[in-house]
C-alpha atoms as a PDB file:
ATOM      1  CA  UNK A   1       0.037   0.027  -0.269  1.00  0.00           C
ATOM      2  CA  UNK A   2       2.940   2.632   0.774  1.00  0.00           C
ATOM      3  CA  UNK A   3       4.649   1.668  -2.411  1.00  0.00           C
ATOM      4  CA  UNK A   4       1.220   2.616  -4.452  1.00  0.00           C
ATOM      5  CA  UNK A   5       1.152   5.953  -2.636  1.00  0.00           C
ATOM      6  CA  UNK A   6       4.564   6.791  -3.335  1.00  0.00           C
ATOM      7  CA  UNK A   7       3.943   5.757  -7.078  1.00  0.00           C
ATOM      8  CA  UNK A   8       0.872   7.782  -6.936  1.00  0.00           C
ATOM      9  CA  UNK A   9       2.717  10.846  -5.319  1.00  0.00           C
ATOM     10  CA  UNK A  10       5.660  10.776  -8.086  1.00  0.00           C
ATOM     11  CA  UNK A  11       3.023  10.327 -10.533  1.00  0.00           C
ATOM     12  CA  UNK A  12       1.239  13.523  -9.593  1.00  0.00           C
ATOM     13  CA  UNK A  13       4.578  15.799  -9.320  1.00  0.00           C
ATOM     14  CA  UNK A  14       5.685  14.365 -13.021  1.00  0.00           C
ATOM     15  CA  UNK A  15       3.894  17.272 -14.613  1.00  0.00           C
ATOM     16  CA  UNK A  16       4.769  20.031 -11.989  1.00  0.00           C
ATOM     17  CA  UNK A  17       8.759  19.127 -12.665  1.00  0.00           C
ATOM     18  CA  UNK A  18       7.765  19.243 -16.429  1.00  0.00           C
ATOM     19  CA  UNK A  19       6.251  22.710 -16.365  1.00  0.00           C
ATOM     20  CA  UNK A  20       8.942  23.910 -14.393  1.00  0.00           C
ATOM     21  CA  UNK A  21      11.740  22.336 -17.030  1.00  0.00           C
ATOM     22  CA  UNK A  22       9.388  24.079 -19.645  1.00  0.00           C
ATOM     23  CA  UNK A  23       9.401  27.715 -18.077  1.00  0.00           C
ATOM     24  CA  UNK A  24      12.955  27.775 -17.441  1.00  0.00           C
ATOM     25  CA  UNK A  25      13.478  26.688 -20.905  1.00  0.00           C
ATOM     26  CA  UNK A  26      11.397  29.438 -22.290  1.00  0.00           C
ATOM     27  CA  UNK A  27      13.023  32.219 -20.019  1.00  0.00           C
ATOM     28  CA  UNK A  28      16.723  31.117 -20.279  1.00  0.00           C
ATOM     29  CA  UNK A  29      16.883  32.492 -24.402  1.00  0.00           C
ATOM     30  CA  UNK A  30      15.113  35.373 -23.384  1.00  0.00           C
ATOM     31  CA  UNK A  31      18.124  36.646 -21.263  1.00  0.00           C
ATOM     32  CA  UNK A  32      20.823  36.415 -23.930  1.00  0.00           C
ATOM     33  CA  UNK A  33      18.500  38.541 -26.841  1.00  0.00           C
ATOM     34  CA  UNK A  34      20.560  41.312 -28.172  1.00  0.00           C
ATOM     35  CA  UNK A  35      19.280  44.692 -28.276  1.00  0.00           C
ATOM     36  CA  UNK A  36      21.344  47.636 -28.646  1.00  0.00           C
ATOM     37  CA  UNK A  37      18.829  49.754 -28.042  1.00  0.00           C
ATOM     38  CA  UNK A  38      17.615  48.208 -24.750  1.00  0.00           C
ATOM     39  CA  UNK A  39      20.109  48.975 -21.596  1.00  0.00           C
ATOM     40  CA  UNK A  40      18.444  48.409 -18.353  1.00  0.00           C
ATOM     41  CA  UNK A  41      22.078  48.159 -16.741  1.00  0.00           C
ATOM     42  CA  UNK A  42      22.946  51.663 -17.823  1.00  0.00           C
ATOM     43  CA  UNK A  43      19.737  52.612 -17.025  1.00  0.00           C
ATOM     44  CA  UNK A  44      20.249  51.492 -12.982  1.00  0.00           C
ATOM     45  CA  UNK A  45      23.647  53.241 -13.019  1.00  0.00           C
ATOM     46  CA  UNK A  46      22.206  56.430 -14.106  1.00  0.00           C
ATOM     47  CA  UNK A  47      19.106  56.088 -11.605  1.00  0.00           C
ATOM     48  CA  UNK A  48      21.687  55.746  -8.775  1.00  0.00           C
ATOM     49  CA  UNK A  49      23.888  58.584 -10.009  1.00  0.00           C
ATOM     50  CA  UNK A  50      21.057  61.081  -9.793  1.00  0.00           C
ATOM     51  CA  UNK A  51      19.609  59.879  -6.817  1.00  0.00           C
ATOM     52  CA  UNK A  52      21.172  62.103  -4.496  1.00  0.00           C
ATOM     53  CA  UNK A  53      21.187  64.799  -7.015  1.00  0.00           C
ATOM     54  CA  UNK A  54      17.449  64.675  -7.360  1.00  0.00           C
ATOM     55  CA  UNK A  55      16.711  64.470  -3.256  1.00  0.00           C
ATOM     56  CA  UNK A  56      18.718  68.143  -3.116  1.00  0.00           C
ATOM     57  CA  UNK A  57      16.523  68.935  -5.939  1.00  0.00           C
ATOM     58  CA  UNK A  58      13.028  68.443  -4.575  1.00  0.00           C
ATOM     59  CA  UNK A  59      11.190  71.767  -4.046  1.00  0.00           C
ATOM     60  CA  UNK A  60       8.886  72.723  -1.584  1.00  0.00           C
ATOM     61  CA  UNK A  61       5.311  74.363  -2.586  1.00  0.00           C
ATOM     62  CA  UNK A  62       6.719  77.429  -2.180  1.00  0.00           C
ATOM     63  CA  UNK A  63       9.687  77.199  -4.077  1.00  0.00           C
ATOM     64  CA  UNK A  64       8.290  75.694  -6.875  1.00  0.00           C
ATOM     65  CA  UNK A  65       5.933  78.276  -7.577  1.00  0.00           C
ATOM     66  CA  UNK A  66       8.710  80.631  -6.971  1.00  0.00           C
ATOM     67  CA  UNK A  67      10.730  79.263  -9.221  1.00  0.00           C
ATOM     68  CA  UNK A  68       8.248  78.843 -11.862  1.00  0.00           C
ATOM     69  CA  UNK A  69       7.598  82.534 -11.933  1.00  0.00           C
ATOM     70  CA  UNK A  70      11.451  83.081 -12.879  1.00  0.00           C
ATOM     71  CA  UNK A  71      12.056  84.010 -16.714  1.00  0.00           C
ATOM     72  CA  UNK A  72      13.446  81.118 -18.594  1.00  0.00           C
ATOM     73  CA  UNK A  73      12.045  78.430 -16.393  1.00  0.00           C
ATOM     74  CA  UNK A  74      10.086  75.693 -17.963  1.00  0.00           C
ATOM     75  CA  UNK A  75       7.252  73.690 -16.085  1.00  0.00           C
ATOM     76  CA  UNK A  76       7.736  70.244 -17.721  1.00  0.00           C
ATOM     77  CA  UNK A  77       4.269  68.082 -17.421  1.00  0.00           C
ATOM     78  CA  UNK A  78       5.147  64.707 -18.806  1.00  0.00           C
ATOM     79  CA  UNK A  79       1.782  63.131 -18.269  1.00  0.00           C
ATOM     80  CA  UNK A  80      -0.410  62.047 -20.883  1.00  0.00           C
ATOM     81  CA  UNK A  81      -1.901  64.544 -23.442  1.00  0.00           C
ATOM     82  CA  UNK A  82      -5.464  63.850 -22.335  1.00  0.00           C
ATOM     83  CA  UNK A  83      -4.556  64.069 -18.596  1.00  0.00           C
ATOM     84  CA  UNK A  84      -2.631  67.270 -19.440  1.00  0.00           C
ATOM     85  CA  UNK A  85      -5.727  68.925 -21.046  1.00  0.00           C
ATOM     86  CA  UNK A  86      -8.094  68.232 -17.965  1.00  0.00           C
ATOM     87  CA  UNK A  87      -5.890  69.613 -15.843  1.00  0.00           C
ATOM     88  CA  UNK A  88      -2.420  70.901 -15.334  1.00  0.00           C
ATOM     89  CA  UNK A  89      -0.142  73.678 -13.727  1.00  0.00           C
ATOM     90  CA  UNK A  90      -0.749  77.055 -15.532  1.00  0.00           C
ATOM     91  CA  UNK A  91       2.095  77.417 -18.304  1.00  0.00           C
ATOM     92  CA  UNK A  92       3.073  74.112 -18.007  1.00  0.00           C
ATOM     93  CA  UNK A  93       4.626  72.956 -21.181  1.00  0.00           C
ATOM     94  CA  UNK A  94       3.069  69.251 -22.079  1.00  0.00           C
ATOM     95  CA  UNK A  95       5.416  66.739 -23.159  1.00  0.00           C
ATOM     96  CA  UNK A  96       4.110  63.245 -22.509  1.00  0.00           C
ATOM     97  CA  UNK A  97       7.039  60.742 -21.314  1.00  0.00           C
ATOM     98  CA  UNK A  98       6.113  58.151 -24.078  1.00  0.00           C
ATOM     99  CA  UNK A  99       7.129  61.364 -26.465  1.00  0.00           C
ATOM    100  CA  UNK A 100      10.576  61.884 -25.151  1.00  0.00           C
ATOM    101  CA  UNK A 101      13.348  61.725 -27.671  1.00  0.00           C
ATOM    102  CA  UNK A 102      16.542  63.829 -27.950  1.00  0.00           C
ATOM    103  CA  UNK A 103      14.450  65.725 -30.819  1.00  0.00           C
ATOM    104  CA  UNK A 104      11.400  66.029 -28.850  1.00  0.00           C
ATOM    105  CA  UNK A 105      12.892  67.331 -26.007  1.00  0.00           C
ATOM    106  CA  UNK A 106      15.473  69.698 -27.836  1.00  0.00           C
ATOM    107  CA  UNK A 107      11.909  71.425 -29.400  1.00  0.00           C
ATOM    108  CA  UNK A 108      10.786  71.445 -26.207  1.00  0.00           C
ATOM    109  CA  UNK A 109      13.561  72.809 -23.920  1.00  0.00           C
ATOM    110  CA  UNK A 110      16.549  73.834 -26.153  1.00  0.00           C
ATOM    111  CA  UNK A 111      19.327  74.369 -23.809  1.00  0.00           C
ATOM    112  CA  UNK A 112      20.334  71.548 -21.461  1.00  0.00           C
ATOM    113  CA  UNK A 113      20.809  73.965 -18.798  1.00  0.00           C
ATOM    114  CA  UNK A 114      17.478  75.272 -18.751  1.00  0.00           C
ATOM    115  CA  UNK A 115      15.856  74.904 -15.149  1.00  0.00           C
ATOM    116  CA  UNK A 116      13.336  72.570 -15.241  1.00  0.00           C
ATOM    117  CA  UNK A 117      10.564  71.943 -12.851  1.00  0.00           C
ATOM    118  CA  UNK A 118       8.680  68.529 -12.798  1.00  0.00           C
ATOM    119  CA  UNK A 119       5.881  67.469 -11.458  1.00  0.00           C
ATOM    120  CA  UNK A 120       3.355  64.425 -11.727  1.00  0.00           C
ATOM    121  CA  UNK A 121       0.033  62.988 -10.394  1.00  0.00           C
ATOM    122  CA  UNK A 122       1.764  61.669  -7.263  1.00  0.00           C
ATOM    123  CA  UNK A 123       2.065  65.354  -5.832  1.00  0.00           C
ATOM    124  CA  UNK A 124      -1.889  65.934  -5.883  1.00  0.00           C
ATOM    125  CA  UNK A 125      -4.983  64.377  -4.572  1.00  0.00           C
ATOM    126  CA  UNK A 126      -8.512  65.425  -4.905  1.00  0.00           C
ATOM    127  CA  UNK A 127      -8.862  65.161  -8.684  1.00  0.00           C
ATOM    128  CA  UNK A 128      -8.981  61.420  -9.489  1.00  0.00           C
ATOM    129  CA  UNK A 129      -9.730  61.687 -13.011  1.00  0.00           C
ATOM    130  CA  UNK A 130      -6.927  64.057 -14.296  1.00  0.00           C
ATOM    131  CA  UNK A 131      -4.450  63.317 -11.314  1.00  0.00           C
ATOM    132  CA  UNK A 132      -4.871  59.384 -10.990  1.00  0.00           C
ATOM    133  CA  UNK A 133      -2.316  58.221  -8.520  1.00  0.00           C
ATOM    134  CA  UNK A 134      -0.070  55.922  -9.588  1.00  0.00           C
ATOM    135  CA  UNK A 135       1.913  53.178  -7.484  1.00  0.00           C
ATOM    136  CA  UNK A 136       4.712  55.195  -5.453  1.00  0.00           C
ATOM    137  CA  UNK A 137       7.533  53.282  -7.290  1.00  0.00           C
ATOM    138  CA  UNK A 138       6.607  54.118 -10.331  1.00  0.00           C
ATOM    139  CA  UNK A 139       5.400  57.859  -9.840  1.00  0.00           C
ATOM    140  CA  UNK A 140       6.254  59.979 -13.469  1.00  0.00           C
ATOM    141  CA  UNK A 141       8.795  61.780 -11.208  1.00  0.00           C
ATOM    142  CA  UNK A 142      10.938  59.590 -10.714  1.00  0.00           C
ATOM    143  CA  UNK A 143      11.269  57.917 -14.643  1.00  0.00           C
ATOM    144  CA  UNK A 144      11.017  61.609 -16.035  1.00  0.00           C
ATOM    145  CA  UNK A 145      13.951  62.532 -13.545  1.00  0.00           C
ATOM    146  CA  UNK A 146      16.017  60.151 -14.507  1.00  0.00           C
ATOM    147  CA  UNK A 147      15.404  60.081 -18.756  1.00  0.00           C
ATOM    148  CA  UNK A 148      15.729  64.158 -18.350  1.00  0.00           C
ATOM    149  CA  UNK A 149      19.513  63.070 -16.837  1.00  0.00           C
ATOM    150  CA  UNK A 150      20.118  60.410 -19.371  1.00  0.00           C
ATOM    151  CA  UNK A 151      19.020  63.118 -22.517  1.00  0.00           C
ATOM    152  CA  UNK A 152      21.669  65.520 -20.713  1.00  0.00           C
ATOM    153  CA  UNK A 153      19.542  67.999 -18.887  1.00  0.00           C
ATOM    154  CA  UNK A 154      21.067  69.091 -15.668  1.00  0.00           C
ATOM    155  CA  UNK A 155      19.317  71.632 -13.949  1.00  0.00           C
ATOM    156  CA  UNK A 156      16.239  69.830 -12.942  1.00  0.00           C
ATOM    157  CA  UNK A 157      13.612  70.154 -10.131  1.00  0.00           C
ATOM    158  CA  UNK A 158      10.806  68.610  -8.361  1.00  0.00           C
ATOM    159  CA  UNK A 159       8.061  69.686  -6.506  1.00  0.00           C
ATOM    160  CA  UNK A 160       8.271  67.087  -3.555  1.00  0.00           C
ATOM    161  CA  UNK A 161       5.078  67.466  -1.345  1.00  0.00           C
ATOM    162  CA  UNK A 162       1.539  65.646  -1.998  1.00  0.00           C
ATOM    163  CA  UNK A 163      -0.836  68.501  -2.297  1.00  0.00           C
ATOM    164  CA  UNK A 164      -4.406  69.013  -2.325  1.00  0.00           C
ATOM    165  CA  UNK A 165      -5.933  70.335  -5.712  1.00  0.00           C
ATOM    166  CA  UNK A 166      -8.348  72.573  -3.404  1.00  0.00           C
ATOM    167  CA  UNK A 167      -5.918  73.943  -1.324  1.00  0.00           C
ATOM    168  CA  UNK A 168      -2.669  74.207  -3.240  1.00  0.00           C
ATOM    169  CA  UNK A 169      -1.206  77.633  -3.988  1.00  0.00           C
ATOM    170  CA  UNK A 170      -0.477  76.656  -7.349  1.00  0.00           C
ATOM    171  CA  UNK A 171      -2.294  77.663  -9.971  1.00  0.00           C
ATOM    172  CA  UNK A 172      -4.176  75.170 -12.768  1.00  0.00           C
ATOM    173  CA  UNK A 173      -5.519  75.217 -16.037  1.00  0.00           C
ATOM    174  CA  UNK A 174      -7.191  72.789 -18.141  1.00  0.00           C
ATOM    175  CA  UNK A 175     -11.163  71.715 -18.993  1.00  0.00           C
ATOM    176  CA  UNK A 176     -11.580  70.061 -15.331  1.00  0.00           C
ATOM    177  CA  UNK A 177     -10.544  73.478 -13.797  1.00  0.00           C
ATOM    178  CA  UNK A 178     -14.245  75.368 -13.448  1.00  0.00           C
ATOM    179  CA  UNK A 179     -13.472  78.529 -12.008  1.00  0.00           C
ATOM    180  CA  UNK A 180      -9.890  80.063 -12.771  1.00  0.00           C
ATOM    181  CA  UNK A 181      -8.466  80.565  -9.448  1.00  0.00           C
END
């Protein structure tokens, strides 16, 4: 009887081992597929290099508003065009993150030394349609900052705090904004 139970258990586990082998075989070739236009190790290197700079370049609401008002400063909104149309910080330039290329960035921000202020959905609450909260590790501020650094933009600052759209001193434009503040 014990031998029959052992044989049944081995038979039941056999398909699982085969599936595991099959999954490992399918994943193995993927690790070796070359693509010179995708460089994850370089992304991680740049992200590590800019992390301490980014941390020093995070601004309070008051600092962000004051810098935004200074001539030559670009407030960049990297959210999708439809979200920008609904609500954005007044006078911000829209360039969706998915459209970042050397050419599109140069057109929007010609000098790599231009002061750029960035913000994202995760800086605001109270506008779930236009400023939908993202998972914290994929906050657009993080990827936007790294991407701008990768393209050589060296004067980037980021809105730091989480603000309520009803009480912030920052002025919004867009279709969702019923009455200008």
